[in-house]
Amino acid sequence: MKVLLVGNGAREHAIAERLAEDCELYTVMSKKNPAISQLSKQHWVCDIENPSEITKAVEGIDFDLGFSSPDATLAAGVSDALAKAGISMASPSKDAARIEWDKGFMRKLMDEYKIPGAPKHKLVNSLEEAARIINNYGSVAIKPLGLTGGKGVRVSGDHFTNISETVHYAEELIKKDGLVLIEEKLVGEEFTLQAFCDGTRICFMPPVQDHKRAFTGDKGPNTGGMGAYSSGKLLPFMLESELEAAQNIMRSTIHAMKKNQTPFVGILYGQFILTANGIRLIEFNARFGDPEAMNVLALLKDQLSDIFLSMADGQLDNANFSDESTVVKYLVPEGYPTKPVKDVAVTIDTRSIESCGAKIYYASVYEKGGHILTTNSRSFGILGKSTTLANAEKIAEQGCKFVHGPVWHRSDIGTKKLTDSRVSHMAFLRDKS
């Protein structure tokens, strides 16, 4: 089976690894990812946010299946262009991916179809109304409507020290986009729930907790994600009823999308938060998470190509996952995220990484003159998997030691100290409620 994959990050490396197990893999990338290119029978480098460039590059090959992965490619309509070219697609159309690239659409959909889990929110188009809502809510999250790479949302207490700063940021977004989404600030424990979808049916993957903050102890600015862990069917701080509530929100959303004439075929990603007042949905994404894709795909017992094909055919197969634990730690360039060094060589001891039981996924790096060089974004995801979370963390931490160069990582992700703090935090919030 000939499969076309669009994208070139660590998330796509994890996808490519699973697809290449039983398929002839072809890839289109914005920069040559050394690991993905090795898995591919053929690859092309072009502007992956330009659908016509992609269709022109792959013209003449009869693909059985296609999957466009990064959010910006979905917003650009890459899935639509490839479908028009006759490829059966397992990734969402531009209209369906709107649930990610237009946060206002997502909240309106939840309101219209009475889907539970939304925080207090308001879409506003004037400075006066923004100031009124901000004063009314008190602590808020200010959200741009479009894609921001996980870095556009700003929150009271983290980014704003007073209401004046908050109003000023809302004003900036109104001038830029014409609208801004203002939501109440939520306090609790966040987690990710991802699912395969065929437009009607949905099949859930294990829950994962991502770590957006740059530094140990959840300090520093938000990033695209410094690492994540999973621990089987539930996360340590989670109750089964809370997971079921999140699953019901996602089921209701898939049904609403179908009624809305925008059926969702692809990976639906729900970013949730457990609060003192129950579960709330922070946002939806229309693709695998990064790093969460590495966590869940390491646990998938079935062939990913079979699941993708069943999604594209509208006859979703059930997906089975191991109950093992996983930990992913991202190695990032020195100075990341504010002033990352780039175009600097790193050395990877692949044999030692494999010997300790870890796996490495290549993210925003490139190959030149036989060397692997950094960019200004995340460099490598290191995965550990084991029957216990403690062992998975040790494997991932050990694997990080075998990448040499100007890179660093958060060593606390997946540790007992950090996960115990999550459990204590949720116990305090439940008692408070």
Protein backbone atom coordinates (compact mmCIF):
# COMPACT_ATOMS: atom_id res chain seq x y z
CA MET A 1 0.00 0.00 0.00
CA LYS A 2 1.34 3.42 -1.00
CA VAL A 3 0.83 6.04 1.74
CA LEU A 4 1.59 9.77 1.52
CA LEU A 5 2.44 11.66 4.72
CA VAL A 6 2.76 15.46 4.87
CA GLY A 7 4.93 16.90 7.67
CA ASN A 8 8.43 16.68 9.10
CA GLY A 9 8.50 17.05 12.91
CA ALA A 10 8.97 14.52 15.70
CA ARG A 11 5.22 13.92 15.65
CA GLU A 12 5.46 13.01 11.97
CA HIS A 13 8.52 10.85 12.64
CA ALA A 14 6.40 8.80 15.09
CA ILE A 15 3.60 8.56 12.51
CA ALA A 16 6.05 7.66 9.73
CA GLU A 17 7.65 4.95 11.86
CA ARG A 18 4.31 3.22 12.38
CA LEU A 19 3.17 3.61 8.75
CA ALA A 20 6.46 2.27 7.37
CA GLU A 21 5.95 -1.00 9.27
CA ASP A 22 3.68 -2.36 6.54
CA CYS A 23 3.42 0.34 3.86
CA GLU A 24 5.42 1.94 1.10
CA LEU A 25 5.85 5.40 2.60
CA TYR A 26 6.16 8.65 0.66
CA THR A 27 6.61 11.98 2.42
CA VAL A 28 6.42 15.69 1.70
CA MET A 29 8.37 17.95 4.06
CA SER A 30 9.17 21.64 4.49
CA LYS A 31 12.72 20.64 5.52
CA LYS A 32 14.35 17.26 5.13
CA ASN A 33 13.96 15.33 8.37
CA PRO A 34 16.85 12.83 8.30
CA ALA A 35 14.93 10.08 10.09
CA ILE A 36 11.71 10.44 8.08
CA SER A 37 13.60 10.48 4.78
CA GLN A 38 15.26 7.16 5.70
CA LEU A 39 11.82 5.61 6.28
CA SER A 40 10.51 6.88 2.95
CA LYS A 41 10.73 5.29 -0.48
CA GLN A 42 10.64 8.82 -1.86
CA HIS A 43 10.42 12.27 -0.32
CA TRP A 44 9.96 15.81 -1.55
CA VAL A 45 10.84 19.16 0.03
CA CYS A 46 8.54 22.09 -0.68
CA ASP A 47 6.19 24.57 1.01
CA ILE A 48 3.85 22.14 2.76
CA GLU A 49 1.34 24.93 3.44
CA ASN A 50 0.88 25.37 -0.32
CA PRO A 51 -1.53 22.68 -1.58
CA SER A 52 -0.67 23.22 -5.24
CA GLU A 53 3.06 22.72 -4.60
CA ILE A 54 2.33 19.43 -2.87
CA THR A 55 -0.02 18.09 -5.54
CA LYS A 56 2.46 19.08 -8.24
CA ALA A 57 5.34 17.34 -6.40
CA VAL A 58 3.52 14.01 -6.01
CA GLU A 59 1.78 14.03 -9.38
CA GLY A 60 1.94 10.74 -11.23
CA ILE A 61 1.97 8.40 -8.22
CA ASP A 62 -1.18 6.46 -7.39
CA PHE A 63 -1.49 6.64 -3.60
CA ASP A 64 -3.86 4.42 -1.63
CA LEU A 65 -3.99 6.74 1.37
CA GLY A 66 -2.93 10.22 2.46
CA PHE A 67 -2.48 11.95 5.80
CA SER A 68 -1.63 15.61 6.30
CA SER A 69 -0.39 16.14 9.83
CA PRO A 70 0.59 19.69 10.94
CA ASP A 71 -2.15 22.14 11.90
CA ALA A 72 -1.11 24.83 9.40
CA THR A 73 -1.34 22.36 6.49
CA LEU A 74 -4.90 21.44 7.50
CA ALA A 75 -5.86 25.11 7.74
CA ALA A 76 -4.35 25.64 4.28
CA GLY A 77 -6.58 22.94 2.76
CA VAL A 78 -3.91 20.33 1.96
CA SER A 79 -6.29 17.44 2.72
CA ASP A 80 -8.87 18.92 0.35
CA ALA A 81 -6.35 19.34 -2.48
CA LEU A 82 -5.06 15.79 -2.15
CA ALA A 83 -8.61 14.42 -1.98
CA LYS A 84 -9.45 16.36 -5.14
CA ALA A 85 -6.41 14.69 -6.74
CA GLY A 86 -8.00 11.32 -6.01
CA ILE A 87 -6.24 10.31 -2.80
CA SER A 88 -8.30 8.76 0.01
CA MET A 89 -7.56 11.00 3.02
CA ALA A 90 -7.47 10.14 6.74
CA SER A 91 -6.91 13.77 7.78
CA PRO A 92 -9.62 16.44 8.09
CA SER A 93 -10.80 18.87 5.45
CA LYS A 94 -10.18 22.58 5.91
CA ASP A 95 -13.82 23.05 6.98
CA ALA A 96 -13.58 20.27 9.59
CA ALA A 97 -10.15 21.47 10.83
CA ARG A 98 -11.79 24.82 11.53
CA ILE A 99 -12.47 23.41 15.00
CA GLU A 100 -8.78 24.13 15.63
CA TRP A 101 -7.93 27.11 13.42
CA ASP A 102 -10.98 29.14 14.48
CA LYS A 103 -11.52 29.12 18.25
CA GLY A 104 -14.65 31.22 17.84
CA PHE A 105 -16.20 28.54 15.60
CA MET A 106 -15.38 25.90 18.23
CA ARG A 107 -17.13 27.79 21.03
CA LYS A 108 -20.14 28.63 18.83
CA LEU A 109 -20.47 24.94 17.93
CA MET A 110 -20.47 23.98 21.61
CA ASP A 111 -23.06 26.65 22.38
CA GLU A 112 -25.35 25.78 19.45
CA TYR A 113 -25.38 22.04 20.16
CA LYS A 114 -25.35 22.44 23.95
CA ILE A 115 -22.11 20.48 24.36
CA PRO A 116 -21.06 20.58 28.02
CA GLY A 117 -17.64 21.59 29.32
CA ALA A 118 -17.22 25.14 28.03
CA PRO A 119 -15.94 27.78 30.46
CA LYS A 120 -17.55 31.20 30.61
CA HIS A 121 -16.57 32.89 27.37
CA LYS A 122 -17.35 35.76 25.07
CA LEU A 123 -16.37 36.69 21.52
CA VAL A 124 -15.91 40.47 21.37
CA ASN A 125 -15.11 42.93 18.60
CA SER A 126 -14.72 46.22 20.47
CA LEU A 127 -12.33 47.55 23.08
CA GLU A 128 -15.19 48.75 25.26
CA GLU A 129 -16.84 45.34 25.35
CA ALA A 130 -13.49 43.62 25.97
CA ALA A 131 -12.80 45.87 28.96
CA ARG A 132 -16.28 45.19 30.35
CA ILE A 133 -15.95 41.39 30.02
CA ILE A 134 -12.43 41.37 31.49
CA ASN A 135 -13.60 43.38 34.50
CA ASN A 136 -16.63 41.11 34.86
CA TYR A 137 -14.65 37.84 34.71
CA GLY A 138 -11.68 39.06 36.77
CA SER A 139 -9.02 36.47 35.90
CA VAL A 140 -9.15 35.60 32.21
CA ALA A 141 -7.52 33.83 29.28
CA ILE A 142 -7.20 35.98 26.15
CA LYS A 143 -7.21 33.83 23.00
CA PRO A 144 -6.48 34.75 19.36
CA LEU A 145 -8.90 33.06 16.98
CA GLY A 146 -6.30 31.58 14.64
CA LEU A 147 -3.32 29.23 14.91
CA THR A 148 -0.51 30.41 17.17
CA GLY A 149 1.70 27.34 17.59
CA GLY A 150 0.60 26.95 21.21
CA LYS A 151 2.04 30.34 22.17
CA GLY A 152 -0.69 32.93 21.50
CA VAL A 153 -2.92 32.44 24.55
CA ARG A 154 -2.14 34.75 27.46
CA VAL A 155 -3.51 34.36 30.97
CA SER A 156 -4.02 36.57 34.02
CA GLY A 157 -1.29 36.03 36.60
CA ASP A 158 1.06 34.42 34.09
CA HIS A 159 1.28 37.10 31.41
CA PHE A 160 -0.71 39.99 32.87
CA THR A 161 -0.13 41.64 36.24
CA ASN A 162 -3.09 44.02 35.98
CA ILE A 163 -6.31 44.61 34.05
CA SER A 164 -4.75 47.38 31.94
CA GLU A 165 -2.22 44.94 30.43
CA THR A 166 -4.99 42.43 29.79
CA VAL A 167 -7.19 44.97 28.00
CA HIS A 168 -4.21 46.16 25.94
CA TYR A 169 -3.53 42.62 24.62
CA ALA A 170 -7.21 42.15 23.80
CA GLU A 171 -7.09 45.45 21.90
CA GLU A 172 -4.06 44.25 19.90
CA LEU A 173 -5.92 41.11 18.81
CA ILE A 174 -9.10 43.02 17.93
CA LYS A 175 -7.07 45.35 15.70
CA LYS A 176 -5.36 42.37 14.07
CA ASP A 177 -8.25 39.90 13.69
CA GLY A 178 -11.41 41.95 14.27
CA LEU A 179 -12.41 39.62 17.11
CA VAL A 180 -10.94 38.17 20.28
CA LEU A 181 -12.07 35.29 22.50
CA ILE A 182 -12.15 36.07 26.23
CA GLU A 183 -12.62 33.19 28.67
CA GLU A 184 -12.58 32.80 32.41
CA LYS A 185 -9.24 31.59 33.77
CA LEU A 186 -9.38 27.92 34.71
CA VAL A 187 -7.40 26.41 37.56
CA GLY A 188 -6.75 22.68 37.72
CA GLU A 189 -4.89 19.84 36.04
CA GLU A 190 -4.73 19.68 32.25
CA PHE A 191 -4.67 16.53 30.13
CA THR A 192 -4.98 15.54 26.50
CA LEU A 193 -7.42 13.03 25.05
CA GLN A 194 -6.94 12.04 21.41
CA ALA A 195 -9.23 9.95 19.22
CA PHE A 196 -9.47 8.40 15.77
CA CYS A 197 -12.63 9.61 13.96
CA ASP A 198 -14.35 8.62 10.71
CA GLY A 199 -16.98 11.38 10.63
CA THR A 200 -19.49 9.37 12.67
CA ARG A 201 -17.61 7.02 15.02
CA ILE A 202 -14.82 7.73 17.46
CA CYS A 203 -12.15 5.54 19.08
CA PHE A 204 -10.18 6.92 22.04
CA MET A 205 -6.47 6.72 22.76
CA PRO A 206 -4.98 6.70 26.28
CA PRO A 207 -4.99 10.09 28.09
CA VAL A 208 -1.70 12.01 28.22
CA GLN A 209 -0.46 14.96 30.28
CA ASP A 210 1.67 17.48 28.38
CA HIS A 211 4.03 20.01 30.00
CA LYS A 212 3.93 23.42 28.32
CA ARG A 213 6.16 25.32 30.74
CA ALA A 214 9.79 25.58 29.74
CA PHE A 215 11.52 24.93 33.04
CA THR A 216 11.57 22.43 35.90
CA GLY A 217 8.68 22.73 38.34
CA ASP A 218 6.36 24.21 35.68
CA LYS A 219 8.23 27.53 35.65
CA GLY A 220 8.94 29.85 32.74
CA PRO A 221 7.08 30.68 29.53
CA ASN A 222 4.71 28.43 27.62
CA THR A 223 6.25 26.39 24.81
CA GLY A 224 4.97 23.98 22.19
CA GLY A 225 5.44 21.25 24.82
CA MET A 226 8.53 20.10 26.73
CA GLY A 227 7.39 16.52 27.15
CA ALA A 228 4.49 14.32 28.22
CA TYR A 229 3.63 11.09 30.03
CA SER A 230 0.88 8.49 29.99
CA SER A 231 0.09 5.79 32.54
CA GLY A 232 -2.39 3.41 30.97
CA LYS A 233 -6.15 3.91 30.99
CA LEU A 234 -6.05 6.74 33.55
CA LEU A 235 -3.57 9.41 34.61
CA PRO A 236 -2.53 9.34 38.30
CA PHE A 237 -4.71 12.32 39.27
CA MET A 238 -7.76 11.28 37.23
CA LEU A 239 -11.01 9.50 38.17
CA GLU A 240 -12.70 7.15 35.71
CA SER A 241 -15.84 9.32 35.78
CA GLU A 242 -13.74 12.33 34.72
CA LEU A 243 -12.30 10.48 31.74
CA GLU A 244 -15.80 9.40 30.74
CA ALA A 245 -17.00 13.01 30.92
CA ALA A 246 -14.20 14.06 28.54
CA GLN A 247 -15.05 11.21 26.17
CA ASN A 248 -18.73 12.26 26.13
CA ILE A 249 -17.76 15.84 25.22
CA MET A 250 -15.75 14.54 22.28
CA ARG A 251 -18.52 12.17 21.14
CA SER A 252 -21.01 15.04 21.26
CA THR A 253 -18.63 17.19 19.24
CA ILE A 254 -18.25 14.58 16.49
CA HIS A 255 -22.05 14.30 16.24
CA ALA A 256 -22.36 18.10 16.16
CA MET A 257 -19.76 18.36 13.39
CA LYS A 258 -21.73 15.90 11.29
CA LYS A 259 -24.99 17.80 11.86
CA ASN A 260 -23.13 20.99 11.01
CA GLN A 261 -22.26 19.55 7.55
CA THR A 262 -18.57 19.51 8.49
CA PRO A 263 -17.99 15.82 9.31
CA PHE A 264 -14.68 15.27 11.06
CA VAL A 265 -12.42 12.55 9.63
CA GLY A 266 -9.02 12.48 11.31
CA ILE A 267 -7.48 12.84 14.76
CA LEU A 268 -9.55 14.87 17.21
CA TYR A 269 -7.49 16.20 20.11
CA GLY A 270 -9.24 17.53 23.19
CA GLN A 271 -7.27 19.66 25.65
CA PHE A 272 -9.12 19.34 28.97
CA ILE A 273 -8.68 20.64 32.48
CA LEU A 274 -10.01 19.12 35.69
CA THR A 275 -11.20 21.90 37.99
CA ALA A 276 -12.95 22.20 41.37
CA ASN A 277 -16.17 22.59 39.37
CA GLY A 278 -15.70 19.60 37.08
CA ILE A 279 -14.16 19.07 33.68
CA ARG A 280 -13.75 21.89 31.16
CA LEU A 281 -12.61 21.90 27.54
CA ILE A 282 -9.77 24.33 26.84
CA GLU A 283 -9.58 23.72 23.09
CA PHE A 284 -9.81 21.21 20.29
CA ASN A 285 -7.06 20.43 17.81
CA ALA A 286 -7.55 18.67 14.50
CA ARG A 287 -4.42 16.50 14.60
CA PHE A 288 -2.14 14.48 16.83
CA GLY A 289 -0.48 16.36 19.66
CA ASP A 290 3.24 16.95 19.74
CA PRO A 291 4.66 15.29 21.87
CA GLU A 292 1.52 13.27 22.68
CA ALA A 293 1.62 11.41 19.35
CA MET A 294 4.87 9.75 20.45
CA ASN A 295 3.26 8.58 23.70
CA VAL A 296 0.15 7.01 22.20
CA LEU A 297 1.60 5.58 18.98
CA ALA A 298 4.17 3.69 21.05
CA LEU A 299 1.23 1.93 22.73
CA LEU A 300 -0.88 1.17 19.64
CA LYS A 301 -1.16 -2.61 19.14
CA ASP A 302 -2.73 -2.43 15.67
CA GLN A 303 -1.27 -1.27 12.37
CA LEU A 304 -1.72 2.49 12.05
CA SER A 305 -2.22 2.15 8.29
CA ASP A 306 -5.25 -0.11 8.87
CA ILE A 307 -6.79 2.40 11.30
CA PHE A 308 -6.16 5.30 8.90
CA LEU A 309 -7.66 3.37 5.98
CA SER A 310 -10.78 2.50 7.97
CA MET A 311 -11.17 6.18 8.93
CA ALA A 312 -10.88 7.30 5.31
CA ASP A 313 -13.44 4.64 4.28
CA GLY A 314 -15.92 5.80 6.95
CA GLN A 315 -15.78 2.40 8.66
CA LEU A 316 -13.56 3.03 11.70
CA ASP A 317 -11.90 -0.07 13.14
CA ASN A 318 -11.46 -0.39 16.88
CA ALA A 319 -7.92 0.49 17.98
CA ASN A 320 -6.24 -1.43 20.80
CA PHE A 321 -3.60 0.04 23.10
CA SER A 322 -1.17 -1.39 25.63
CA ASP A 323 -1.70 -0.43 29.29
CA GLU A 324 2.00 0.39 29.67
CA SER A 325 3.32 3.81 30.70
CA THR A 326 5.27 6.21 28.50
CA VAL A 327 7.39 9.31 29.08
CA VAL A 328 8.60 11.70 26.38
CA LYS A 329 11.20 14.37 27.12
CA TYR A 330 12.03 17.00 24.52
CA LEU A 331 15.63 18.00 23.95
CA VAL A 332 15.67 21.67 22.93
CA PRO A 333 18.47 24.04 21.87
CA GLU A 334 20.32 26.05 24.50
CA GLY A 335 18.53 29.35 25.03
CA TYR A 336 15.13 27.87 24.11
CA PRO A 337 12.45 29.20 24.04
CA THR A 338 13.51 32.87 24.03
CA LYS A 339 16.96 32.85 22.35
CA PRO A 340 17.65 29.35 21.04
CA VAL A 341 20.97 28.65 19.36
CA LYS A 342 20.58 27.31 15.84
CA ASP A 343 22.64 25.79 13.04
CA VAL A 344 24.80 24.02 15.64
CA ALA A 345 25.82 20.37 15.24
CA VAL A 346 24.66 17.66 17.64
CA THR A 347 25.86 14.06 17.90
CA ILE A 348 23.46 11.18 18.49
CA ASP A 349 24.63 7.88 19.96
CA THR A 350 21.81 5.84 18.45
CA ARG A 351 23.17 2.48 19.58
CA SER A 352 23.32 3.55 23.24
CA ILE A 353 19.81 5.04 23.06
CA GLU A 354 18.46 1.74 21.75
CA SER A 355 20.49 -0.26 24.28
CA CYS A 356 18.89 1.52 27.23
CA GLY A 357 15.42 0.85 25.77
CA ALA A 358 14.66 4.41 24.66
CA LYS A 359 13.64 5.75 21.25
CA ILE A 360 14.60 9.02 19.61
CA TYR A 361 12.34 11.07 17.33
CA TYR A 362 13.80 13.82 15.16
CA ALA A 363 11.95 17.13 15.41
CA SER A 364 13.15 20.53 14.10
CA VAL A 365 16.63 19.52 12.98
CA TYR A 366 18.18 19.19 9.55
CA GLU A 367 21.06 17.40 7.89
CA LYS A 368 23.94 19.18 6.18
CA GLY A 369 27.33 17.80 5.22
CA GLY A 370 26.68 14.59 7.14
CA HIS A 371 25.91 16.48 10.36
CA ILE A 372 22.61 16.95 12.25
CA LEU A 373 22.05 20.64 13.00
CA THR A 374 19.63 22.45 15.32
CA THR A 375 17.02 25.05 14.36
CA ASN A 376 15.36 27.55 16.70
CA SER A 377 12.69 25.02 17.74
CA ARG A 378 12.55 21.69 19.60
CA SER A 379 15.20 19.21 18.46
CA PHE A 380 14.47 15.61 19.57
CA GLY A 381 11.81 13.70 21.47
CA ILE A 382 13.18 10.91 23.66
CA LEU A 383 10.65 8.19 24.53
CA GLY A 384 10.72 5.70 27.38
CA LYS A 385 8.11 2.92 27.68
CA SER A 386 7.68 0.40 30.48
CA THR A 387 5.14 -1.40 32.66
CA THR A 388 5.53 1.33 35.29
CA LEU A 389 5.72 5.10 34.99
CA ALA A 390 8.85 5.17 37.16
CA ASN A 391 10.72 2.86 34.80
CA ALA A 392 9.50 4.68 31.70
CA GLU A 393 10.82 7.94 33.17
CA LYS A 394 14.20 6.40 33.93
CA ILE A 395 14.50 5.07 30.38
CA ALA A 396 13.64 8.44 28.83
CA GLU A 397 16.06 10.27 31.15
CA GLN A 398 18.84 7.81 30.35
CA GLY A 399 18.19 8.18 26.62
CA CYS A 400 18.61 11.95 26.84
CA LYS A 401 22.22 11.48 27.94
CA PHE A 402 23.22 10.06 24.58
CA VAL A 403 22.52 13.20 22.56
CA HIS A 404 25.59 15.42 22.76
CA GLY A 405 25.66 19.10 21.94
CA PRO A 406 24.06 22.40 22.96
CA VAL A 407 20.67 20.91 23.96
CA TRP A 408 18.84 20.54 27.28
CA HIS A 409 15.57 19.11 28.63
CA ARG A 410 13.18 19.16 31.58
CA SER A 411 14.39 16.31 33.79
CA ASP A 412 11.30 16.34 36.04
CA ILE A 413 8.73 15.19 33.49
CA GLY A 414 7.24 11.84 34.53
CA THR A 415 8.98 11.80 37.93
CA LYS A 416 7.17 10.70 41.07
CA LYS A 417 7.68 14.08 42.69
CA LEU A 418 5.93 15.91 39.87
CA THR A 419 3.09 13.40 39.38
CA ASP A 420 2.48 13.25 43.15
CA SER A 421 2.10 17.03 43.12
CA ARG A 422 -0.62 16.65 40.45
CA VAL A 423 -2.45 14.10 42.59
CA SER A 424 -2.26 16.38 45.66
CA HIS A 425 -3.44 19.36 43.65
CA MET A 426 -6.53 17.53 42.39
CA ALA A 427 -7.30 16.15 45.87
CA PHE A 428 -7.22 19.73 47.18
CA LEU A 429 -9.52 20.97 44.40
CA ARG A 430 -12.03 18.12 44.88
CA ASP A 431 -12.14 18.81 48.63
CA LYS A 432 -12.63 22.49 47.85
CA SER A 433 -15.67 21.70 45.70
